[in-house]
Amino acid sequence: MKKFFQEIKADIKFKSAGPGQKLTESVGERAPKERPNQPALRQPRQGPTDEAQMAAAAALARLEQKQPRARGPTSQESIRNQVRKELRAEATVSASTEAPGTNTVPEAKEEGSAHLAVPSVCFTCPLTGATLRKDQRDAHIKEAILSHFSTDPVAASIMKIHTFNRDRDRVKLGVDTIAKYLDNICLHPEEEKYRKIKLQNRVFQERINCLEGTHEFFEAIGFQKALLPVPDQEGPEEFYVLSEAALAQPQSLQRHREQLLVAEPVRATLARQRRVFRPSPMASQFDLPGDFFNLTAEEIKREQKLRSEAVERLSVLRTKAMREREEQREMRKYTYTLLRVRLPDGCLLQGTFYARERVAALYAFVREALQSDWLPFDLLASGGQRLSEDESLAFNECGLVPSALLTFSWDAAVLADIRAAGAELDSSILKPELLAAIEKLS
């Protein structure tokens, strides 16, 4: 048997040595082999038509629904090997791109590039309606609030108190104290002591004077500063004194008190940046800007350390509380997510969401774009998983971060009723104004 295997190895070695030659043949007599004629240049192929792209997109959607979810490695050894590979790859990328002494992630693609799925994460100012970048939000809102003083100083001062001061506990304490001052005035209008507030009072200094916008609020509702004598004290003290005109309108004071108590900070809202794309085989490819990956170098190193610890945890039994803490940490990794919905005609509807928003927000976003927004429909994730509109799950809890492609499907009962009536739904289900602004996904 041993001789048999040796003969096989010798035969393989002989065949792999290349073409032979005669011993009597000189080196110069060997003529080079003629190369076959190069094939003629092929004519460039024409791109697929719109109808072909729509058919391909619809076929991809059917395949995604039919394909089962890919199962990950099951054995502990294979899981360890996979994690080690990821750690080595991340270490290589960090070593090649991170400069010494810096604490920033590798430079993201330039915002505004035509190849980005969305230029950047944008926000909308609720006061002006302007679209803002992340670094423009605070300055623009502050400017808008300050400009509002010329038209409604009471509302502007309330917005300033709740927005300019970040410590919510301190704001609540100060607002409650101001409300108590106004309560005393409304309950005891004849008592002069309640209409005066000493500015050097310890409670006023600790709870109110430290907050931006409180002095503007007092002056807007009718208080005026005045120097008044204080018993058993040589010099006068500065007070806020309520004017007679404001005292004669207790309903206004009560209304301002309620406005102050129920007000919330003015915050820019996330802009959905809704876009509609033609059918494309690149629907599942997302080229995201750096705003979606705003991790610092320290956070990246911490993430690598956590993955290293994951190798050790695989062989250790964990409690339910430990697993829940790890899941919460994983969900907090992303702040935003970019979602696309493939419609029955192959077109793509795209929008930006917070990763912690509920699935119902996506249903509402899609419904706003439909011509027949009253018809029930379903949204299917990869693998055909149905996302229920009534569920309270967030996108990061469903694994739809930092981007995902979903499939639109009409409710089966609705389709059956329509077909039973001998009717058909239009293949194009979006509103005409959205179709007029359709783009090509590049």
Protein backbone atom coordinates (compact mmCIF):
# COMPACT_ATOMS: atom_id res chain seq x y z
CA MET A 1 0.00 0.00 0.00
CA LYS A 2 2.87 2.35 0.81
CA LYS A 3 4.46 1.70 -2.60
CA PHE A 4 1.13 2.41 -4.28
CA PHE A 5 0.88 5.90 -2.76
CA GLN A 6 4.51 6.66 -3.64
CA GLU A 7 3.81 5.86 -7.31
CA ILE A 8 0.78 8.18 -7.31
CA LYS A 9 2.82 11.04 -5.81
CA ALA A 10 5.61 10.52 -8.37
CA ASP A 11 3.10 10.57 -11.22
CA ILE A 12 1.54 13.82 -9.98
CA LYS A 13 4.96 15.40 -9.58
CA PHE A 14 5.96 14.38 -13.10
CA LYS A 15 2.80 15.83 -14.68
CA SER A 16 3.17 19.13 -12.84
CA ALA A 17 6.75 19.65 -14.07
CA GLY A 18 5.57 21.21 -17.34
CA PRO A 19 6.11 20.30 -21.00
CA GLY A 20 9.12 18.07 -21.75
CA GLN A 21 11.89 18.41 -24.32
CA LYS A 22 14.29 16.15 -26.22
CA LEU A 23 17.78 15.68 -24.78
CA THR A 24 19.29 16.25 -28.24
CA GLU A 25 17.43 19.54 -28.74
CA SER A 26 19.47 22.68 -28.11
CA VAL A 27 18.11 25.63 -26.25
CA GLY A 28 18.26 27.88 -29.30
CA GLU A 29 16.22 25.52 -31.45
CA ARG A 30 13.17 25.88 -29.28
CA ALA A 31 10.80 28.21 -31.05
CA PRO A 32 8.29 30.18 -29.04
CA LYS A 33 4.76 29.03 -29.31
CA GLU A 34 2.53 31.25 -31.35
CA ARG A 35 -0.04 33.08 -29.31
CA PRO A 36 -3.56 32.72 -30.46
CA ASN A 37 -5.05 35.70 -32.14
CA GLN A 38 -6.59 38.12 -29.70
CA PRO A 39 -10.34 38.13 -29.90
CA ALA A 40 -11.98 41.13 -31.45
CA LEU A 41 -13.11 43.84 -29.11
CA ARG A 42 -16.62 43.26 -27.89
CA GLN A 43 -19.20 45.95 -28.32
CA PRO A 44 -20.25 47.53 -24.98
CA ARG A 45 -23.53 46.22 -23.70
CA GLN A 46 -26.44 48.58 -23.36
CA GLY A 47 -27.86 49.17 -19.90
CA PRO A 48 -31.11 47.48 -18.88
CA THR A 49 -34.34 49.26 -19.62
CA ASP A 50 -36.61 50.64 -16.89
CA GLU A 51 -38.96 47.68 -17.37
CA ALA A 52 -36.09 45.23 -16.89
CA GLN A 53 -34.94 47.04 -13.74
CA MET A 54 -38.46 46.92 -12.30
CA ALA A 55 -38.72 43.21 -13.05
CA ALA A 56 -35.32 42.53 -11.47
CA ALA A 57 -36.22 44.52 -8.36
CA ALA A 58 -39.50 42.63 -7.98
CA ALA A 59 -37.67 39.30 -8.39
CA LEU A 60 -35.14 40.30 -5.74
CA ALA A 61 -37.97 41.18 -3.36
CA ARG A 62 -39.57 37.74 -3.89
CA LEU A 63 -36.26 36.00 -3.30
CA GLU A 64 -35.63 37.95 -0.09
CA GLN A 65 -39.03 36.89 1.24
CA LYS A 66 -38.43 33.23 0.37
CA GLN A 67 -34.87 32.94 1.59
CA PRO A 68 -34.56 31.71 5.19
CA ARG A 69 -32.47 33.65 7.63
CA ALA A 70 -28.82 32.69 7.59
CA ARG A 71 -27.85 30.84 10.73
CA GLY A 72 -24.68 31.84 12.43
CA PRO A 73 -22.04 29.47 13.74
CA THR A 74 -23.35 27.18 16.44
CA SER A 75 -20.30 25.67 18.10
CA GLN A 76 -18.34 27.67 20.66
CA GLU A 77 -15.05 27.08 18.85
CA SER A 78 -16.40 28.43 15.55
CA ILE A 79 -17.85 31.46 17.33
CA ARG A 80 -14.49 32.13 18.99
CA ASN A 81 -12.72 31.90 15.64
CA GLN A 82 -15.20 34.32 14.05
CA VAL A 83 -14.74 36.88 16.85
CA ARG A 84 -10.94 36.56 16.62
CA LYS A 85 -11.09 37.23 12.87
CA GLU A 86 -13.20 40.35 13.43
CA LEU A 87 -10.83 41.61 16.13
CA ARG A 88 -7.76 41.11 13.90
CA ALA A 89 -9.48 42.93 11.02
CA GLU A 90 -10.49 45.86 13.24
CA ALA A 91 -6.99 46.06 14.74
CA THR A 92 -5.49 46.20 11.23
CA VAL A 93 -7.86 49.00 10.17
CA SER A 94 -7.22 50.98 13.38
CA ALA A 95 -3.43 50.63 13.05
CA SER A 96 -3.41 51.79 9.43
CA THR A 97 -5.84 54.71 9.68
CA GLU A 98 -5.54 56.14 13.18
CA ALA A 99 -2.82 58.72 13.62
CA PRO A 100 -0.94 58.74 16.97
CA GLY A 101 -2.18 61.24 19.53
CA THR A 102 -5.60 61.75 17.95
CA ASN A 103 -8.98 60.75 19.30
CA THR A 104 -11.09 60.76 16.15
CA VAL A 105 -12.39 57.95 14.02
CA PRO A 106 -11.10 57.42 10.47
CA GLU A 107 -12.29 60.23 8.28
CA ALA A 108 -15.75 59.62 6.92
CA LYS A 109 -16.75 60.27 3.36
CA GLU A 110 -17.24 63.89 2.47
CA GLU A 111 -20.75 65.06 3.15
CA GLY A 112 -22.71 66.09 0.12
CA SER A 113 -21.13 63.38 -2.05
CA ALA A 114 -23.41 62.18 -4.80
CA HIS A 115 -22.75 58.56 -3.79
CA LEU A 116 -24.00 58.92 -0.23
CA ALA A 117 -27.43 57.47 0.50
CA VAL A 118 -28.20 60.66 2.43
CA PRO A 119 -25.96 63.78 2.60
CA SER A 120 -26.04 64.03 6.39
CA VAL A 121 -28.35 63.78 9.38
CA CYS A 122 -30.51 66.92 9.31
CA PHE A 123 -33.00 68.52 11.68
CA THR A 124 -35.91 70.95 11.42
CA CYS A 125 -36.29 73.99 13.68
CA PRO A 126 -39.86 74.06 15.08
CA LEU A 127 -39.83 77.87 15.26
CA THR A 128 -38.55 78.76 11.79
CA GLY A 129 -38.94 75.53 9.81
CA ALA A 130 -35.31 75.75 8.66
CA THR A 131 -33.38 72.55 7.88
CA LEU A 132 -30.22 72.33 9.96
CA ARG A 133 -27.17 70.15 10.32
CA LYS A 134 -26.38 68.64 13.69
CA ASP A 135 -23.76 71.28 14.50
CA GLN A 136 -26.17 74.13 13.65
CA ARG A 137 -29.10 73.17 15.86
CA ASP A 138 -28.36 74.87 19.17
CA ALA A 139 -27.11 78.17 17.76
CA HIS A 140 -30.06 78.50 15.37
CA ILE A 141 -32.67 77.73 18.03
CA LYS A 142 -31.14 80.20 20.49
CA GLU A 143 -31.14 82.89 17.82
CA ALA A 144 -34.78 82.13 16.96
CA ILE A 145 -35.84 82.36 20.63
CA LEU A 146 -34.04 85.66 21.15
CA SER A 147 -35.65 87.13 18.05
CA HIS A 148 -39.06 86.08 19.44
CA PHE A 149 -38.76 88.59 22.32
CA SER A 150 -39.82 91.44 20.06
CA THR A 151 -43.20 89.82 19.35
CA ASP A 152 -44.05 87.80 22.51
CA PRO A 153 -41.66 88.42 25.42
CA VAL A 154 -43.55 86.13 27.83
CA ALA A 155 -43.43 83.12 25.50
CA ALA A 156 -39.83 83.89 24.55
CA SER A 157 -38.70 84.09 28.18
CA ILE A 158 -40.46 80.78 28.99
CA MET A 159 -38.74 79.13 26.02
CA LYS A 160 -35.41 80.57 27.16
CA ILE A 161 -35.81 79.19 30.69
CA HIS A 162 -36.58 75.67 29.48
CA THR A 163 -34.15 75.57 26.53
CA PHE A 164 -31.04 77.48 27.55
CA ASN A 165 -30.67 75.68 30.91
CA ARG A 166 -29.63 72.03 30.50
CA ASP A 167 -30.04 70.88 34.10
CA ARG A 168 -33.67 69.73 34.10
CA ASP A 169 -33.82 69.22 37.87
CA ARG A 170 -32.59 72.76 38.52
CA VAL A 171 -35.08 74.12 35.96
CA LYS A 172 -37.98 72.29 37.62
CA LEU A 173 -36.99 73.61 41.04
CA GLY A 174 -36.77 77.18 39.77
CA VAL A 175 -40.05 76.97 37.83
CA ASP A 176 -41.89 75.56 40.85
CA THR A 177 -40.55 78.41 42.99
CA ILE A 178 -41.73 81.05 40.49
CA ALA A 179 -45.14 79.34 40.34
CA LYS A 180 -45.33 79.53 44.13
CA TYR A 181 -44.64 83.29 44.01
CA LEU A 182 -47.49 83.76 41.51
CA ASP A 183 -49.82 81.52 43.51
CA ASN A 184 -49.34 83.65 46.61
CA ILE A 185 -50.12 86.83 44.64
CA CYS A 186 -53.31 85.36 43.14
CA LEU A 187 -54.49 83.92 46.48
CA HIS A 188 -53.64 87.03 48.52
CA PRO A 189 -53.88 90.05 46.18
CA GLU A 190 -54.37 92.42 49.09
CA GLU A 191 -51.13 91.34 50.82
CA GLU A 192 -48.37 93.72 49.78
CA LYS A 193 -45.56 91.41 50.96
CA TYR A 194 -46.42 88.83 48.29
CA ARG A 195 -46.07 91.41 45.53
CA LYS A 196 -42.41 92.04 46.40
CA ILE A 197 -39.53 89.61 45.80
CA LYS A 198 -36.15 90.36 47.36
CA LEU A 199 -33.42 89.71 44.82
CA GLN A 200 -30.75 88.97 47.46
CA ASN A 201 -32.98 86.42 49.14
CA ARG A 202 -31.16 83.09 49.54
CA VAL A 203 -33.97 81.07 47.91
CA PHE A 204 -34.16 83.49 44.97
CA GLN A 205 -30.39 83.38 44.45
CA GLU A 206 -30.09 79.58 44.66
CA ARG A 207 -33.15 78.60 42.64
CA ILE A 208 -34.01 81.45 40.25
CA ASN A 209 -31.13 83.84 39.71
CA CYS A 210 -28.91 81.02 38.44
CA LEU A 211 -31.30 80.25 35.55
CA GLU A 212 -31.15 82.06 32.19
CA GLY A 213 -34.40 83.76 31.21
CA THR A 214 -35.94 84.16 34.68
CA HIS A 215 -35.33 87.91 34.89
CA GLU A 216 -36.82 88.38 31.42
CA PHE A 217 -39.88 86.41 32.54
CA PHE A 218 -40.48 88.53 35.65
CA GLU A 219 -40.19 91.74 33.65
CA ALA A 220 -42.43 90.41 30.85
CA ILE A 221 -45.32 89.59 33.22
CA GLY A 222 -45.25 92.99 34.95
CA PHE A 223 -42.54 93.02 37.64
CA GLN A 224 -40.26 96.03 37.92
CA LYS A 225 -37.00 96.45 39.80
CA ALA A 226 -36.98 98.96 42.66
CA LEU A 227 -34.77 99.90 45.61
CA LEU A 228 -36.77 99.64 48.84
CA PRO A 229 -35.81 100.18 52.48
CA VAL A 230 -35.48 97.10 54.68
CA PRO A 231 -36.33 97.19 58.41
CA ASP A 232 -33.32 96.98 60.74
CA GLN A 233 -30.97 97.63 57.84
CA GLU A 234 -29.15 100.80 56.88
CA GLY A 235 -29.17 100.72 53.08
CA PRO A 236 -32.01 99.82 50.68
CA GLU A 237 -32.28 96.46 48.90
CA GLU A 238 -33.25 95.66 45.32
CA PHE A 239 -36.69 94.07 44.86
CA TYR A 240 -38.97 92.89 42.07
CA VAL A 241 -42.29 94.69 42.59
CA LEU A 242 -45.45 93.75 40.68
CA SER A 243 -47.03 96.72 38.93
CA GLU A 244 -50.60 97.79 39.65
CA ALA A 245 -51.61 97.11 36.03
CA ALA A 246 -50.45 93.48 36.27
CA LEU A 247 -52.08 93.07 39.70
CA ALA A 248 -55.40 94.12 38.20
CA GLN A 249 -55.27 91.13 35.81
CA PRO A 250 -54.92 88.01 37.99
CA GLN A 251 -56.19 85.80 35.13
CA SER A 252 -53.15 86.77 33.06
CA LEU A 253 -50.80 85.90 35.91
CA GLN A 254 -52.51 82.54 36.30
CA ARG A 255 -52.25 81.88 32.58
CA HIS A 256 -48.54 82.75 32.51
CA ARG A 257 -48.01 80.44 35.48
CA GLU A 258 -49.61 77.52 33.64
CA GLN A 259 -47.59 78.24 30.50
CA LEU A 260 -44.40 78.20 32.53
CA LEU A 261 -45.24 74.89 34.23
CA VAL A 262 -46.25 72.93 31.12
CA ALA A 263 -43.57 74.26 28.75
CA GLU A 264 -40.90 71.97 27.30
CA PRO A 265 -37.46 72.69 25.87
CA VAL A 266 -37.43 73.75 22.21
CA ARG A 267 -35.58 71.01 20.35
CA ALA A 268 -34.99 70.55 16.65
CA THR A 269 -36.84 67.54 15.25
CA LEU A 270 -35.17 64.92 13.08
CA ALA A 271 -35.79 65.60 9.39
CA ARG A 272 -36.99 62.47 7.60
CA GLN A 273 -35.35 63.60 4.33
CA ARG A 274 -37.85 61.56 2.36
CA ARG A 275 -36.59 60.43 -1.04
CA VAL A 276 -38.04 58.17 -3.73
CA PHE A 277 -35.77 56.12 -6.00
CA ARG A 278 -36.39 54.19 -9.19
CA PRO A 279 -36.10 50.37 -9.06
CA SER A 280 -32.47 49.43 -8.59
CA PRO A 281 -30.45 46.28 -7.86
CA MET A 282 -28.45 48.45 -5.42
CA ALA A 283 -31.44 48.84 -3.09
CA SER A 284 -29.78 46.95 -0.25
CA GLN A 285 -26.50 48.89 -0.49
CA PHE A 286 -26.21 51.82 1.93
CA ASP A 287 -23.36 54.33 1.78
CA LEU A 288 -23.90 56.32 4.96
CA PRO A 289 -22.27 59.61 6.05
CA GLY A 290 -20.13 59.95 9.15
CA ASP A 291 -23.08 61.23 11.21
CA PHE A 292 -24.33 57.64 11.49
CA PHE A 293 -20.99 56.48 12.94
CA ASN A 294 -20.06 59.21 15.38
CA LEU A 295 -17.91 56.99 17.62
CA THR A 296 -14.65 58.39 18.98
CA ALA A 297 -11.40 56.46 18.96
CA GLU A 298 -11.84 55.69 22.65
CA GLU A 299 -15.27 54.22 21.98
CA ILE A 300 -13.83 52.07 19.18
CA LYS A 301 -11.11 50.75 21.51
CA ARG A 302 -13.72 50.05 24.17
CA GLU A 303 -15.79 48.17 21.60
CA GLN A 304 -12.78 46.04 20.68
CA LYS A 305 -12.20 45.30 24.35
CA LEU A 306 -15.82 44.26 24.76
CA ARG A 307 -15.52 41.90 21.81
CA SER A 308 -12.39 40.38 23.35
CA GLU A 309 -14.29 39.79 26.55
CA ALA A 310 -17.09 38.20 24.50
CA VAL A 311 -14.72 35.35 23.61
CA GLU A 312 -14.26 34.56 27.28
CA ARG A 313 -17.97 34.93 28.09
CA LEU A 314 -18.91 32.24 25.57
CA SER A 315 -17.71 29.55 27.96
CA VAL A 316 -19.20 31.18 31.08
CA LEU A 317 -22.80 30.87 32.19
CA ARG A 318 -24.47 34.30 32.41
CA THR A 319 -27.47 35.42 34.38
CA LYS A 320 -30.50 37.01 32.76
CA ALA A 321 -29.52 40.41 34.19
CA MET A 322 -26.05 40.15 32.62
CA ARG A 323 -27.52 39.31 29.22
CA GLU A 324 -29.99 42.21 29.42
CA ARG A 325 -27.21 44.68 30.25
CA GLU A 326 -25.21 43.51 27.24
CA GLU A 327 -28.25 43.85 24.97
CA GLN A 328 -28.90 47.39 26.21
CA ARG A 329 -25.29 48.36 25.56
CA GLU A 330 -25.50 46.99 22.02
CA MET A 331 -28.73 48.91 21.31
CA ARG A 332 -27.20 52.23 22.39
CA LYS A 333 -24.41 51.98 19.81
CA TYR A 334 -26.36 53.76 17.06
CA THR A 335 -28.41 56.97 17.28
CA TYR A 336 -29.90 57.03 13.77
CA THR A 337 -30.97 54.54 11.14
CA LEU A 338 -31.68 54.89 7.41
CA LEU A 339 -34.59 52.76 6.20
CA ARG A 340 -35.76 51.94 2.68
CA VAL A 341 -39.08 50.34 1.74
CA ARG A 342 -39.36 48.49 -1.55
CA LEU A 343 -42.84 49.10 -3.02
CA PRO A 344 -44.80 46.69 -5.27
CA ASP A 345 -43.61 48.47 -8.45
CA GLY A 346 -39.98 48.22 -7.34
CA CYS A 347 -39.60 51.88 -6.37
CA LEU A 348 -37.84 52.67 -3.10
CA LEU A 349 -39.08 55.01 -0.35
CA GLN A 350 -36.29 56.20 1.96
CA GLY A 351 -36.31 58.06 5.30
CA THR A 352 -34.12 58.78 8.35
CA PHE A 353 -35.23 57.77 11.85
CA TYR A 354 -33.94 57.66 15.41
CA ALA A 355 -32.75 54.18 16.29
CA ARG A 356 -34.97 54.26 19.41
CA GLU A 357 -38.15 55.21 17.52
CA ARG A 358 -40.96 52.67 17.39
CA VAL A 359 -42.00 50.65 14.36
CA ALA A 360 -45.25 52.64 14.25
CA ALA A 361 -43.24 55.70 13.12
CA LEU A 362 -42.21 53.85 9.96
CA TYR A 363 -45.80 52.81 9.23
CA ALA A 364 -46.92 56.44 9.60
CA PHE A 365 -44.09 57.59 7.32
CA VAL A 366 -45.08 55.13 4.59
CA ARG A 367 -48.80 55.86 4.96
CA GLU A 368 -48.21 59.59 4.39
CA ALA A 369 -46.71 58.77 0.98
CA LEU A 370 -49.53 56.53 -0.27
CA GLN A 371 -52.40 57.57 -2.50
CA SER A 372 -54.73 55.15 -0.70
CA ASP A 373 -53.51 55.79 2.83
CA TRP A 374 -56.56 54.15 4.38
CA LEU A 375 -55.79 50.63 3.09
CA PRO A 376 -53.97 48.34 5.57
CA PHE A 377 -50.55 47.04 4.59
CA ASP A 378 -47.61 45.10 6.03
CA LEU A 379 -43.88 45.78 6.17
CA LEU A 380 -41.55 42.80 5.93
CA ALA A 381 -37.97 42.76 7.12
CA SER A 382 -35.23 40.60 5.63
CA GLY A 383 -36.22 36.95 5.68
CA GLY A 384 -39.94 37.74 5.50
CA GLN A 385 -40.33 38.76 9.15
CA ARG A 386 -43.49 40.85 9.53
CA LEU A 387 -43.19 44.04 11.55
CA SER A 388 -46.40 44.74 13.43
CA GLU A 389 -47.57 48.35 13.63
CA ASP A 390 -48.98 47.74 17.11
CA GLU A 391 -45.71 46.49 18.59
CA SER A 392 -43.82 48.78 20.94
CA LEU A 393 -40.42 47.60 19.72
CA ALA A 394 -37.84 50.15 18.62
CA PHE A 395 -35.78 49.86 15.45
CA ASN A 396 -32.62 48.96 17.35
CA GLU A 397 -34.54 46.21 19.16
CA CYS A 398 -35.58 44.79 15.77
CA GLY A 399 -32.02 44.89 14.39
CA LEU A 400 -32.89 47.61 11.84
CA VAL A 401 -29.76 49.71 12.51
CA PRO A 402 -27.85 51.53 11.13
CA SER A 403 -29.72 50.79 7.88
CA ALA A 404 -32.19 48.26 6.52
CA LEU A 405 -34.25 47.38 3.45
CA LEU A 406 -37.88 46.40 4.01
CA THR A 407 -40.59 45.19 1.64
CA PHE A 408 -44.08 46.66 1.31
CA SER A 409 -46.99 44.23 1.01
CA TRP A 410 -50.72 44.90 0.90
CA ASP A 411 -52.78 43.15 3.56
CA ALA A 412 -53.82 39.72 2.26
CA ALA A 413 -57.47 40.16 3.27
CA VAL A 414 -57.64 43.50 1.42
CA LEU A 415 -56.20 41.98 -1.75
CA ALA A 416 -58.67 39.10 -1.59
CA ASP A 417 -61.64 41.49 -1.23
CA ILE A 418 -60.45 43.68 -4.10
CA ARG A 419 -59.90 40.74 -6.43
CA ALA A 420 -63.24 39.21 -5.44
CA ALA A 421 -64.86 42.47 -6.56
CA GLY A 422 -63.10 42.16 -9.93
CA ALA A 423 -60.82 45.16 -9.35
CA GLU A 424 -57.07 45.61 -9.21
CA LEU A 425 -54.78 47.97 -7.32
CA ASP A 426 -52.59 50.32 -9.33
CA SER A 427 -48.96 49.25 -9.49
CA SER A 428 -47.89 52.81 -8.65
CA ILE A 429 -49.15 53.52 -5.14
CA LEU A 430 -47.26 56.72 -4.27
CA LYS A 431 -48.70 60.22 -4.41
CA PRO A 432 -48.13 62.00 -7.74
CA GLU A 433 -45.99 64.75 -6.21
CA LEU A 434 -43.55 62.13 -4.90
CA LEU A 435 -43.35 60.35 -8.24
CA ALA A 436 -42.58 63.69 -9.89
CA ALA A 437 -39.44 63.99 -7.74
CA ILE A 438 -38.25 60.39 -8.23
CA GLU A 439 -34.46 59.92 -8.41
CA LYS A 440 -32.00 57.36 -9.65
CA LEU A 441 -30.14 55.44 -6.95
CA SER A 442 -26.43 55.68 -7.67
